[in-house]
Amino acid sequence: MAKRSTGVGNNKTSRSDKTKKRIEAKYKMLDARKKKK
């Protein structure tokens, strides 16, 4: 996980792994969408 600084500051206060995974999934989806364009 080298891409830790997503610029959200949410990672620092990640309350649980569940939320972290959800955030990661969101970013992955956004990334995929960007690549498609």
N, C-alpha and C. Protein backbone atom coordinates (compact mmCIF):
# COMPACT_ATOMS: atom_id res chain seq x y z
N MET A 1 0.85 -1.20 0.00
CA MET A 1 0.00 0.00 0.00
C MET A 1 0.89 1.24 0.00
N ALA A 2 1.45 1.54 -1.13
CA ALA A 2 2.32 2.71 -1.21
C ALA A 2 1.49 3.97 -1.39
N LYS A 3 0.30 3.81 -1.96
CA LYS A 3 -0.57 4.98 -2.19
C LYS A 3 -1.33 5.29 -0.90
N ARG A 4 -0.63 5.82 0.09
CA ARG A 4 -1.31 6.06 1.36
C ARG A 4 -1.86 7.49 1.42
N SER A 5 -1.12 8.44 0.89
CA SER A 5 -1.59 9.83 0.95
C SER A 5 -2.56 10.08 -0.19
N THR A 6 -3.82 9.91 0.09
CA THR A 6 -4.84 10.12 -0.95
C THR A 6 -5.33 11.56 -0.89
N GLY A 7 -4.80 12.34 0.07
CA GLY A 7 -5.20 13.73 0.16
C GLY A 7 -6.53 13.89 0.86
N VAL A 8 -7.00 12.85 1.52
CA VAL A 8 -8.30 12.95 2.20
C VAL A 8 -8.11 13.12 3.69
N GLY A 9 -6.97 12.70 4.22
CA GLY A 9 -6.75 12.82 5.66
C GLY A 9 -7.68 11.88 6.41
N ASN A 10 -8.43 11.08 5.67
CA ASN A 10 -9.35 10.14 6.31
C ASN A 10 -8.59 8.91 6.78
N ASN A 11 -7.46 8.65 6.12
CA ASN A 11 -6.68 7.46 6.46
C ASN A 11 -6.12 7.58 7.87
N LYS A 12 -5.74 8.82 8.24
CA LYS A 12 -5.14 9.00 9.58
C LYS A 12 -6.14 8.63 10.67
N THR A 13 -7.39 9.00 10.48
CA THR A 13 -8.38 8.73 11.52
C THR A 13 -9.29 7.57 11.13
N SER A 14 -8.74 6.64 10.38
CA SER A 14 -9.56 5.48 9.96
C SER A 14 -10.05 4.77 11.21
N ARG A 15 -11.35 4.84 11.49
CA ARG A 15 -11.87 4.24 12.73
C ARG A 15 -11.80 2.72 12.67
N SER A 16 -12.19 2.16 11.54
CA SER A 16 -12.16 0.69 11.45
C SER A 16 -11.67 0.25 10.08
N ASP A 17 -11.33 -1.02 9.97
CA ASP A 17 -10.85 -1.53 8.68
C ASP A 17 -11.96 -1.48 7.65
N LYS A 18 -13.19 -1.62 8.12
CA LYS A 18 -14.31 -1.64 7.18
C LYS A 18 -14.38 -0.31 6.41
N THR A 19 -14.34 0.78 7.16
CA THR A 19 -14.42 2.09 6.49
C THR A 19 -13.22 2.29 5.58
N LYS A 20 -12.06 1.85 6.05
CA LYS A 20 -10.85 2.01 5.23
C LYS A 20 -11.02 1.27 3.91
N LYS A 21 -11.53 0.05 4.01
CA LYS A 21 -11.71 -0.75 2.78
C LYS A 21 -12.70 -0.06 1.85
N ARG A 22 -13.74 0.51 2.44
CA ARG A 22 -14.76 1.16 1.61
C ARG A 22 -14.13 2.35 0.88
N ILE A 23 -13.34 3.13 1.63
CA ILE A 23 -12.69 4.30 1.02
C ILE A 23 -11.76 3.84 -0.10
N GLU A 24 -11.00 2.79 0.18
CA GLU A 24 -10.07 2.29 -0.84
C GLU A 24 -10.83 1.86 -2.09
N ALA A 25 -11.95 1.16 -1.88
CA ALA A 25 -12.74 0.69 -3.02
C ALA A 25 -13.22 1.89 -3.83
N LYS A 26 -13.64 2.94 -3.10
CA LYS A 26 -14.14 4.13 -3.79
C LYS A 26 -13.05 4.71 -4.69
N TYR A 27 -11.85 4.82 -4.12
CA TYR A 27 -10.75 5.39 -4.90
C TYR A 27 -10.40 4.50 -6.09
N LYS A 28 -10.46 3.20 -5.87
CA LYS A 28 -10.13 2.27 -6.97
C LYS A 28 -11.14 2.46 -8.10
N MET A 29 -12.39 2.63 -7.74
CA MET A 29 -13.43 2.80 -8.76
C MET A 29 -13.18 4.11 -9.53
N LEU A 30 -12.86 5.16 -8.78
CA LEU A 30 -12.60 6.45 -9.42
C LEU A 30 -11.42 6.32 -10.37
N ASP A 31 -10.39 5.63 -9.90
CA ASP A 31 -9.19 5.44 -10.73
C ASP A 31 -9.56 4.71 -12.02
N ALA A 32 -10.34 3.66 -11.88
CA ALA A 32 -10.72 2.87 -13.06
C ALA A 32 -11.50 3.75 -14.03
N ARG A 33 -12.38 4.58 -13.50
CA ARG A 33 -13.18 5.44 -14.36
C ARG A 33 -12.28 6.42 -15.12
N LYS A 34 -11.29 6.96 -14.39
CA LYS A 34 -10.38 7.92 -15.02
C LYS A 34 -9.61 7.25 -16.16
N LYS A 35 -9.18 6.02 -15.92
CA LYS A 35 -8.39 5.30 -16.94
C LYS A 35 -9.25 5.02 -18.17
N LYS A 36 -10.53 4.78 -17.95
CA LYS A 36 -11.42 4.46 -19.08
C LYS A 36 -11.55 5.67 -20.00
N LYS A 37 -11.65 6.84 -19.42
CA LYS A 37 -11.86 8.06 -20.23
C LYS A 37 -10.70 8.31 -21.17
